[in-house]
PDB file of N, CA and C in Angstrom:
ATOM      1  N   MET A   1       0.808  -1.220   0.104  1.00  0.00           N
ATOM      2  CA  MET A   1      -0.041  -0.018  -0.011  1.00  0.00           C
ATOM      3  C   MET A   1       0.953   1.278  -0.136  1.00  0.00           C
ATOM      4  N   LEU A   2       0.542   2.145  -0.912  1.00  0.00           N
ATOM      5  CA  LEU A   2       1.308   3.549  -0.806  1.00  0.00           C
ATOM      6  C   LEU A   2       0.875   4.427  -0.030  1.00  0.00           C
ATOM      7  N   ASP A   3       1.874   5.230   0.591  1.00  0.00           N
ATOM      8  CA  ASP A   3       1.692   6.180   1.620  1.00  0.00           C
ATOM      9  C   ASP A   3       0.853   7.367   0.869  1.00  0.00           C
ATOM     10  N   LYS A   4      -0.089   7.877   1.684  1.00  0.00           N
ATOM     11  CA  LYS A   4      -1.029   8.962   1.008  1.00  0.00           C
ATOM     12  C   LYS A   4      -0.151  10.254   0.844  1.00  0.00           C
ATOM     13  N   PHE A   5       0.797  10.606   1.667  1.00  0.00           N
ATOM     14  CA  PHE A   5       1.510  11.756   1.462  1.00  0.00           C
ATOM     15  C   PHE A   5       2.423  11.663   0.191  1.00  0.00           C
ATOM     16  N   VAL A   6       3.123  10.446  -0.037  1.00  0.00           N
ATOM     17  CA  VAL A   6       3.883  10.091  -1.222  1.00  0.00           C
ATOM     18  C   VAL A   6       3.146  10.383  -2.485  1.00  0.00           C
ATOM     19  N   VAL A   7       1.969   9.735  -2.361  1.00  0.00           N
ATOM     20  CA  VAL A   7       0.967   9.714  -3.668  1.00  0.00           C
ATOM     21  C   VAL A   7       0.584  11.259  -3.771  1.00  0.00           C
ATOM     22  N   SER A   8       0.326  11.981  -2.801  1.00  0.00           N
ATOM     23  CA  SER A   8       0.126  13.435  -2.961  1.00  0.00           C
ATOM     24  C   SER A   8       1.088  14.172  -3.672  1.00  0.00           C
ATOM     25  N   MET A   9       2.333  13.940  -3.106  1.00  0.00           N
ATOM     26  CA  MET A   9       3.568  14.588  -3.469  1.00  0.00           C
ATOM     27  C   MET A   9       3.942  14.443  -4.983  1.00  0.00           C
ATOM     28  N   ALA A  10       3.657  12.951  -5.301  1.00  0.00           N
ATOM     29  CA  ALA A  10       4.031  12.427  -6.691  1.00  0.00           C
ATOM     30  C   ALA A  10       2.904  13.150  -7.738  1.00  0.00           C
ATOM     31  N   SER A  11       1.685  13.127  -6.994  1.00  0.00           N
ATOM     32  CA  SER A  11       0.650  13.478  -7.992  1.00  0.00           C
ATOM     33  C   SER A  11       0.836  15.028  -8.327  1.00  0.00           C
ATOM     34  N   LEU A  12       1.074  15.859  -7.327  1.00  0.00           N
ATOM     35  CA  LEU A  12       1.619  17.367  -7.724  1.00  0.00           C
ATOM     36  C   LEU A  12       2.731  17.435  -8.577  1.00  0.00           C
ATOM     37  N   ARG A  13       3.772  16.649  -8.538  1.00  0.00           N
ATOM     38  CA  ARG A  13       4.849  16.641  -9.448  1.00  0.00           C
ATOM     39  C   ARG A  13       4.318  16.347 -10.952  1.00  0.00           C
ATOM     40  N   LEU A  14       3.557  15.337 -11.059  1.00  0.00           N
ATOM     41  CA  LEU A  14       3.011  14.785 -12.384  1.00  0.00           C
ATOM     42  C   LEU A  14       2.209  15.761 -12.928  1.00  0.00           C
ATOM     43  N   PHE A  15       1.456  16.536 -12.177  1.00  0.00           N
ATOM     44  CA  PHE A  15       0.562  17.608 -12.597  1.00  0.00           C
ATOM     45  C   PHE A  15       1.542  18.758 -13.068  1.00  0.00           C
ATOM     46  N   SER A  16       2.357  19.141 -12.190  1.00  0.00           N
ATOM     47  CA  SER A  16       3.333  20.368 -12.815  1.00  0.00           C
ATOM     48  C   SER A  16       4.110  19.870 -13.925  1.00  0.00           C
ATOM     49  N   GLY A  17       4.658  18.737 -14.080  1.00  0.00           N
ATOM     50  CA  GLY A  17       5.333  18.217 -15.328  1.00  0.00           C
ATOM     51  C   GLY A  17       4.362  18.250 -16.503  1.00  0.00           C
ATOM     52  N   SER A  18       3.089  17.868 -16.319  1.00  0.00           N
ATOM     53  CA  SER A  18       2.144  17.941 -17.539  1.00  0.00           C
ATOM     54  C   SER A  18       1.811  19.394 -17.890  1.00  0.00           C
ATOM     55  N   VAL A  19       1.706  20.197 -16.954  1.00  0.00           N
ATOM     56  CA  VAL A  19       1.718  21.836 -17.296  1.00  0.00           C
ATOM     57  C   VAL A  19       2.812  22.166 -18.085  1.00  0.00           C
ATOM     58  N   GLU A  20       4.078  21.871 -17.565  1.00  0.00           N
ATOM     59  CA  GLU A  20       5.190  22.205 -18.494  1.00  0.00           C
ATOM     60  C   GLU A  20       5.164  21.740 -19.757  1.00  0.00           C
ATOM     61  N   ILE A  21       4.849  20.644 -20.079  1.00  0.00           N
ATOM     62  CA  ILE A  21       4.931  19.862 -21.393  1.00  0.00           C
ATOM     63  C   ILE A  21       3.761  20.501 -22.264  1.00  0.00           C
ATOM     64  N   LEU A  22       2.619  20.826 -21.690  1.00  0.00           N
ATOM     65  CA  LEU A  22       1.488  21.576 -22.260  1.00  0.00           C
ATOM     66  C   LEU A  22       1.943  22.961 -22.795  1.00  0.00           C
ATOM     67  N   ALA A  23       2.513  23.707 -21.807  1.00  0.00           N
ATOM     68  CA  ALA A  23       3.063  24.852 -22.059  1.00  0.00           C
ATOM     69  C   ALA A  23       4.078  24.956 -23.368  1.00  0.00           C
ATOM     70  N   ALA A  24       4.860  23.845 -23.266  1.00  0.00           N
ATOM     71  CA  ALA A  24       5.757  23.854 -24.330  1.00  0.00           C
ATOM     72  C   ALA A  24       5.152  23.493 -25.765  1.00  0.00           C
ATOM     73  N   ILE A  25       4.254  22.848 -25.563  1.00  0.00           N
ATOM     74  CA  ILE A  25       3.212  22.555 -26.873  1.00  0.00           C
ATOM     75  C   ILE A  25       2.577  23.910 -27.262  1.00  0.00           C
ATOM     76  N   TRP A  26       2.177  24.436 -26.423  1.00  0.00           N
ATOM     77  CA  TRP A  26       1.446  25.874 -26.668  1.00  0.00           C
ATOM     78  C   TRP A  26       2.494  27.001 -27.251  1.00  0.00           C
ATOM     79  N   MET A  27       3.717  26.811 -26.696  1.00  0.00           N
ATOM     80  CA  MET A  27       4.585  27.724 -27.369  1.00  0.00           C
ATOM     81  C   MET A  27       4.892  27.521 -28.810  1.00  0.00           C
ATOM     82  N   LEU A  28       5.142  26.361 -29.107  1.00  0.00           N
ATOM     83  CA  LEU A  28       5.233  25.830 -30.444  1.00  0.00           C
ATOM     84  C   LEU A  28       4.157  26.304 -31.323  1.00  0.00           C
ATOM     85  N   ARG A  29       2.913  26.053 -30.798  1.00  0.00           N
ATOM     86  CA  ARG A  29       1.769  26.417 -31.661  1.00  0.00           C
ATOM     87  C   ARG A  29       1.574  27.902 -31.860  1.00  0.00           C
ATOM     88  N   LEU A  30       1.922  28.626 -30.954  1.00  0.00           N
ATOM     89  CA  LEU A  30       2.064  30.056 -30.870  1.00  0.00           C
ATOM     90  C   LEU A  30       2.854  30.576 -31.885  1.00  0.00           C
ATOM     91  N   ASN A  31       4.079  30.054 -31.962  1.00  0.00           N
ATOM     92  CA  ASN A  31       5.200  30.270 -32.951  1.00  0.00           C
ATOM     93  C   ASN A  31       5.398  31.772 -32.975  1.00  0.00           C
ATOM     94  N   GLN A  32       5.487  32.450 -31.867  1.00  0.00           N
ATOM     95  CA  GLN A  32       5.916  33.839 -31.732  1.00  0.00           C
ATOM     96  C   GLN A  32       6.538  34.021 -30.459  1.00  0.00           C
ATOM     97  N   VAL A  33       7.800  34.555 -30.576  1.00  0.00           N
ATOM     98  CA  VAL A  33       8.724  34.698 -29.353  1.00  0.00           C
ATOM     99  C   VAL A  33       8.102  35.737 -28.128  1.00  0.00           C
ATOM    100  N   ASP A  34       7.471  36.667 -28.633  1.00  0.00           N
ATOM    101  CA  ASP A  34       6.659  37.643 -27.476  1.00  0.00           C
ATOM    102  C   ASP A  34       5.573  36.722 -26.729  1.00  0.00           C
ATOM    103  N   LYS A  35       4.907  36.045 -27.531  1.00  0.00           N
ATOM    104  CA  LYS A  35       3.882  35.141 -26.751  1.00  0.00           C
ATOM    105  C   LYS A  35       4.252  34.025 -26.139  1.00  0.00           C
ATOM    106  N   ALA A  36       5.430  33.265 -26.710  1.00  0.00           N
ATOM    107  CA  ALA A  36       5.992  32.143 -25.982  1.00  0.00           C
ATOM    108  C   ALA A  36       6.689  32.738 -24.718  1.00  0.00           C
ATOM    109  N   LEU A  37       7.307  33.912 -24.630  1.00  0.00           N
ATOM    110  CA  LEU A  37       7.832  34.548 -23.500  1.00  0.00           C
ATOM    111  C   LEU A  37       6.689  34.753 -22.377  1.00  0.00           C
ATOM    112  N   ALA A  38       5.586  35.043 -22.812  1.00  0.00           N
ATOM    113  CA  ALA A  38       4.461  35.337 -21.840  1.00  0.00           C
ATOM    114  C   ALA A  38       4.087  33.926 -21.083  1.00  0.00           C
ATOM    115  N   VAL A  39       4.054  32.894 -22.075  1.00  0.00           N
ATOM    116  CA  VAL A  39       3.702  31.710 -21.630  1.00  0.00           C
ATOM    117  C   VAL A  39       4.716  31.095 -20.426  1.00  0.00           C
ATOM    118  N   ASN A  40       5.937  31.430 -20.912  1.00  0.00           N
ATOM    119  CA  ASN A  40       7.217  31.066 -20.086  1.00  0.00           C
ATOM    120  C   ASN A  40       7.125  31.788 -18.483  1.00  0.00           C
ATOM    121  N   SER A  41       6.664  33.031 -18.720  1.00  0.00           N
ATOM    122  CA  SER A  41       6.562  33.888 -17.553  1.00  0.00           C
ATOM    123  C   SER A  41       5.394  33.333 -16.532  1.00  0.00           C
ATOM    124  N   ALA A  42       4.390  32.904 -17.170  1.00  0.00           N
ATOM    125  CA  ALA A  42       3.278  32.367 -16.402  1.00  0.00           C
ATOM    126  C   ALA A  42       3.757  31.286 -15.608  1.00  0.00           C
ATOM    127  N   LEU A  43       4.728  30.281 -16.221  1.00  0.00           N
ATOM    128  CA  LEU A  43       5.208  29.014 -15.644  1.00  0.00           C
ATOM    129  C   LEU A  43       6.080  29.504 -14.469  1.00  0.00           C
ATOM    130  N   ALA A  44       6.480  30.555 -14.371  1.00  0.00           N
ATOM    131  CA  ALA A  44       7.450  31.028 -13.092  1.00  0.00           C
ATOM    132  C   ALA A  44       6.700  30.908 -11.954  1.00  0.00           C
ATOM    133  N   PHE A  45       5.335  31.056 -11.908  1.00  0.00           N
ATOM    134  CA  PHE A  45       4.586  30.922 -10.701  1.00  0.00           C
ATOM    135  C   PHE A  45       4.322  29.435 -10.227  1.00  0.00           C
ATOM    136  N   VAL A  46       4.160  28.597 -11.163  1.00  0.00           N
ATOM    137  CA  VAL A  46       3.894  27.113 -11.272  1.00  0.00           C
ATOM    138  C   VAL A  46       5.070  26.536 -10.251  1.00  0.00           C
ATOM    139  N   GLY A  47       6.263  26.591 -10.625  1.00  0.00           N
ATOM    140  CA  GLY A  47       7.302  25.894  -9.972  1.00  0.00           C
ATOM    141  C   GLY A  47       7.428  26.171  -8.404  1.00  0.00           C
ATOM    142  N   PRO A  48       7.464  27.395  -8.121  1.00  0.00           N
ATOM    143  CA  PRO A  48       7.439  27.666  -6.655  1.00  0.00           C
ATOM    144  C   PRO A  48       6.236  27.275  -5.779  1.00  0.00           C
ATOM    145  N   LEU A  49       5.121  27.417  -6.532  1.00  0.00           N
ATOM    146  CA  LEU A  49       3.950  26.878  -5.857  1.00  0.00           C
ATOM    147  C   LEU A  49       4.116  25.395  -5.670  1.00  0.00           C
ATOM    148  N   VAL A  50       4.410  24.699  -6.806  1.00  0.00           N
ATOM    149  CA  VAL A  50       4.484  23.216  -6.346  1.00  0.00           C
ATOM    150  C   VAL A  50       5.497  22.803  -5.464  1.00  0.00           C
ATOM    151  N   LEU A  51       6.591  23.630  -5.375  1.00  0.00           N
ATOM    152  CA  LEU A  51       7.646  23.466  -4.321  1.00  0.00           C
ATOM    153  C   LEU A  51       7.111  23.538  -2.952  1.00  0.00           C
ATOM    154  N   ILE A  52       6.260  24.476  -2.787  1.00  0.00           N
ATOM    155  CA  ILE A  52       5.883  25.133  -1.459  1.00  0.00           C
ATOM    156  C   ILE A  52       4.771  23.814  -1.097  1.00  0.00           C
ATOM    157  N   LEU A  53       3.961  23.705  -2.128  1.00  0.00           N
ATOM    158  CA  LEU A  53       2.865  22.552  -1.676  1.00  0.00           C
ATOM    159  C   LEU A  53       3.549  20.960  -1.467  1.00  0.00           C
ATOM    160  N   THR A  54       4.370  20.645  -2.308  1.00  0.00           N
ATOM    161  CA  THR A  54       5.033  19.300  -2.063  1.00  0.00           C
ATOM    162  C   THR A  54       5.923  19.242  -0.695  1.00  0.00           C
ATOM    163  N   THR A  55       6.438  20.313  -0.417  1.00  0.00           N
ATOM    164  CA  THR A  55       7.390  20.433   0.841  1.00  0.00           C
ATOM    165  C   THR A  55       6.248  20.490   2.132  1.00  0.00           C
ATOM    166  N   THR A  56       5.250  21.228   1.954  1.00  0.00           N
ATOM    167  CA  THR A  56       4.322  21.213   2.944  1.00  0.00           C
ATOM    168  C   THR A  56       3.627  19.795   3.254  1.00  0.00           C
ATOM    169  N   ILE A  57       3.239  19.076   2.097  1.00  0.00           N
ATOM    170  CA  ILE A  57       2.752  17.636   2.265  1.00  0.00           C
ATOM    171  C   ILE A  57       3.768  16.797   2.999  1.00  0.00           C
ATOM    172  N   GLY A  58       4.807  16.950   2.508  1.00  0.00           N
ATOM    173  CA  GLY A  58       6.071  15.970   3.050  1.00  0.00           C
ATOM    174  C   GLY A  58       6.202  16.315   4.613  1.00  0.00           C
ATOM    175  N   LEU A  59       6.011  17.696   4.901  1.00  0.00           N
ATOM    176  CA  LEU A  59       6.326  17.912   6.336  1.00  0.00           C
ATOM    177  C   LEU A  59       5.190  17.488   7.171  1.00  0.00           C
ATOM    178  N   PHE A  60       3.926  17.552   6.673  1.00  0.00           N
ATOM    179  CA  PHE A  60       2.872  17.005   7.375  1.00  0.00           C
ATOM    180  C   PHE A  60       2.951  15.454   7.434  1.00  0.00           C
ATOM    181  N   GLY A  61       3.669  14.854   6.563  1.00  0.00           N
ATOM    182  CA  GLY A  61       3.747  13.304   6.515  1.00  0.00           C
ATOM    183  C   GLY A  61       4.868  12.977   7.374  1.00  0.00           C
ATOM    184  N   MET A  62       5.735  13.774   7.761  1.00  0.00           N
ATOM    185  CA  MET A  62       6.879  13.632   8.748  1.00  0.00           C
ATOM    186  C   MET A  62       6.741  14.191   9.984  1.00  0.00           C
ATOM    187  N   ALA A  63       5.604  14.957  10.233  1.00  0.00           N
ATOM    188  CA  ALA A  63       5.485  15.723  11.464  1.00  0.00           C
ATOM    189  C   ALA A  63       5.749  14.898  12.718  1.00  0.00           C
ATOM    190  N   ASP A  64       5.145  13.638  12.741  1.00  0.00           N
ATOM    191  CA  ASP A  64       5.110  12.866  14.118  1.00  0.00           C
ATOM    192  C   ASP A  64       6.821  12.345  14.268  1.00  0.00           C
ATOM    193  N   LYS A  65       7.663  12.472  13.138  1.00  0.00           N
ATOM    194  CA  LYS A  65       9.002  12.103  13.230  1.00  0.00           C
ATOM    195  C   LYS A  65       9.944  13.172  13.497  1.00  0.00           C
ATOM    196  N   LEU A  66       9.508  14.339  13.290  1.00  0.00           N
ATOM    197  CA  LEU A  66      10.567  15.376  13.414  1.00  0.00           C
ATOM    198  C   LEU A  66      10.163  16.508  14.823  1.00  0.00           C
ATOM    199  N   SER A  67      11.276  16.993  15.251  1.00  0.00           N
ATOM    200  CA  SER A  67      11.037  17.971  16.249  1.00  0.00           C
ATOM    201  C   SER A  67      10.519  19.447  15.699  1.00  0.00           C
ATOM    202  N   TRP A  68       9.925  20.244  16.548  1.00  0.00           N
ATOM    203  CA  TRP A  68       9.515  21.490  15.884  1.00  0.00           C
ATOM    204  C   TRP A  68      10.788  22.203  15.424  1.00  0.00           C
ATOM    205  N   GLY A  69      11.887  22.089  16.150  1.00  0.00           N
ATOM    206  CA  GLY A  69      13.109  22.863  15.552  1.00  0.00           C
ATOM    207  C   GLY A  69      13.598  22.479  14.215  1.00  0.00           C
ATOM    208  N   LYS A  70      13.456  21.004  14.042  1.00  0.00           N
ATOM    209  CA  LYS A  70      13.779  20.705  12.755  1.00  0.00           C
ATOM    210  C   LYS A  70      12.959  21.164  11.582  1.00  0.00           C
ATOM    211  N   ILE A  71      11.535  21.058  11.898  1.00  0.00           N
ATOM    212  CA  ILE A  71      10.645  21.618  11.003  1.00  0.00           C
ATOM    213  C   ILE A  71      10.868  22.928  10.639  1.00  0.00           C
ATOM    214  N   GLY A  72      11.196  23.895  11.751  1.00  0.00           N
ATOM    215  CA  GLY A  72      11.654  25.304  11.534  1.00  0.00           C
ATOM    216  C   GLY A  72      12.687  25.368  10.654  1.00  0.00           C
ATOM    217  N   TRP A  73      13.664  24.608  10.821  1.00  0.00           N
ATOM    218  CA  TRP A  73      14.998  24.759  10.071  1.00  0.00           C
ATOM    219  C   TRP A  73      14.555  24.419   8.367  1.00  0.00           C
ATOM    220  N   ILE A  74      13.810  23.435   8.271  1.00  0.00           N
ATOM    221  CA  ILE A  74      13.230  23.003   6.978  1.00  0.00           C
ATOM    222  C   ILE A  74      12.508  24.150   6.204  1.00  0.00           C
ATOM    223  N   MET A  75      11.514  24.761   7.139  1.00  0.00           N
ATOM    224  CA  MET A  75      10.768  25.869   6.666  1.00  0.00           C
ATOM    225  C   MET A  75      11.591  27.124   6.231  1.00  0.00           C
ATOM    226  N   CYS A  76      12.652  27.373   6.942  1.00  0.00           N
ATOM    227  CA  CYS A  76      13.581  28.563   6.671  1.00  0.00           C
ATOM    228  C   CYS A  76      14.257  28.032   5.464  1.00  0.00           C
ATOM    229  N   GLY A  77      14.676  26.927   5.406  1.00  0.00           N
ATOM    230  CA  GLY A  77      15.371  26.642   3.934  1.00  0.00           C
ATOM    231  C   GLY A  77      14.500  26.870   2.829  1.00  0.00           C
ATOM    232  N   ALA A  78      13.241  26.343   2.868  1.00  0.00           N
ATOM    233  CA  ALA A  78      12.430  26.406   1.885  1.00  0.00           C
ATOM    234  C   ALA A  78      12.248  28.110   1.430  1.00  0.00           C
ATOM    235  N   ALA A  79      12.069  28.729   2.425  1.00  0.00           N
ATOM    236  CA  ALA A  79      11.760  30.199   2.352  1.00  0.00           C
ATOM    237  C   ALA A  79      12.951  30.886   1.773  1.00  0.00           C
ATOM    238  N   PHE A  80      14.322  30.396   2.183  1.00  0.00           N
ATOM    239  CA  PHE A  80      15.397  30.831   1.565  1.00  0.00           C
ATOM    240  C   PHE A  80      15.478  30.730   0.105  1.00  0.00           C
ATOM    241  N   LEU A  81      15.062  29.368  -0.262  1.00  0.00           N
ATOM    242  CA  LEU A  81      15.082  28.832  -1.620  1.00  0.00           C
ATOM    243  C   LEU A  81      14.154  29.691  -2.577  1.00  0.00           C
ATOM    244  N   LEU A  82      12.937  30.113  -1.994  1.00  0.00           N
ATOM    245  CA  LEU A  82      11.883  30.901  -2.675  1.00  0.00           C
ATOM    246  C   LEU A  82      12.319  32.426  -2.776  1.00  0.00           C
ATOM    247  N   TYR A  83      12.874  32.740  -1.647  1.00  0.00           N
ATOM    248  CA  TYR A  83      13.528  34.122  -1.769  1.00  0.00           C
ATOM    249  C   TYR A  83      14.592  34.419  -2.867  1.00  0.00           C
ATOM    250  N   GLY A  84      15.425  33.285  -2.929  1.00  0.00           N
ATOM    251  CA  GLY A  84      16.509  33.321  -3.952  1.00  0.00           C
ATOM    252  C   GLY A  84      15.899  33.224  -5.495  1.00  0.00           C
ATOM    253  N   ILE A  85      15.046  32.358  -5.601  1.00  0.00           N
ATOM    254  CA  ILE A  85      14.381  32.219  -6.812  1.00  0.00           C
ATOM    255  C   ILE A  85      13.506  33.405  -7.258  1.00  0.00           C
ATOM    256  N   LEU A  86      12.721  33.937  -6.565  1.00  0.00           N
ATOM    257  CA  LEU A  86      11.809  34.977  -6.859  1.00  0.00           C
ATOM    258  C   LEU A  86      12.246  36.578  -6.578  1.00  0.00           C
ATOM    259  N   LYS A  87      13.488  36.665  -6.032  1.00  0.00           N
ATOM    260  CA  LYS A  87      13.972  37.893  -5.904  1.00  0.00           C
ATOM    261  C   LYS A  87      14.402  38.595  -7.238  1.00  0.00           C
ATOM    262  N   LYS A  88      14.010  39.684  -7.630  1.00  0.00           N
ATOM    263  CA  LYS A  88      14.267  40.366  -8.769  1.00  0.00           C
ATOM    264  C   LYS A  88      15.508  41.233  -8.845  1.00  0.00           C
TER     265      LYS A  88
END
């Protein structure tokens, strides 16, 4: 039997990958640099959102095995990743 947290995390990653593939196909169909760039920019929100959601699900799945201090360090690490990715 598969763990429900692992299934949820994997499902989000499959969804994210599917969105990426569909966006690439859409860019090819549009065949214009400015429109393809707009599609690519919209994808910039999908990646960090999926990162936050999968990390959150994983933390809920491990909450009984981790101390609050370790959960805090993990959340700080995820916040630093997002800050580094999204900082202009």
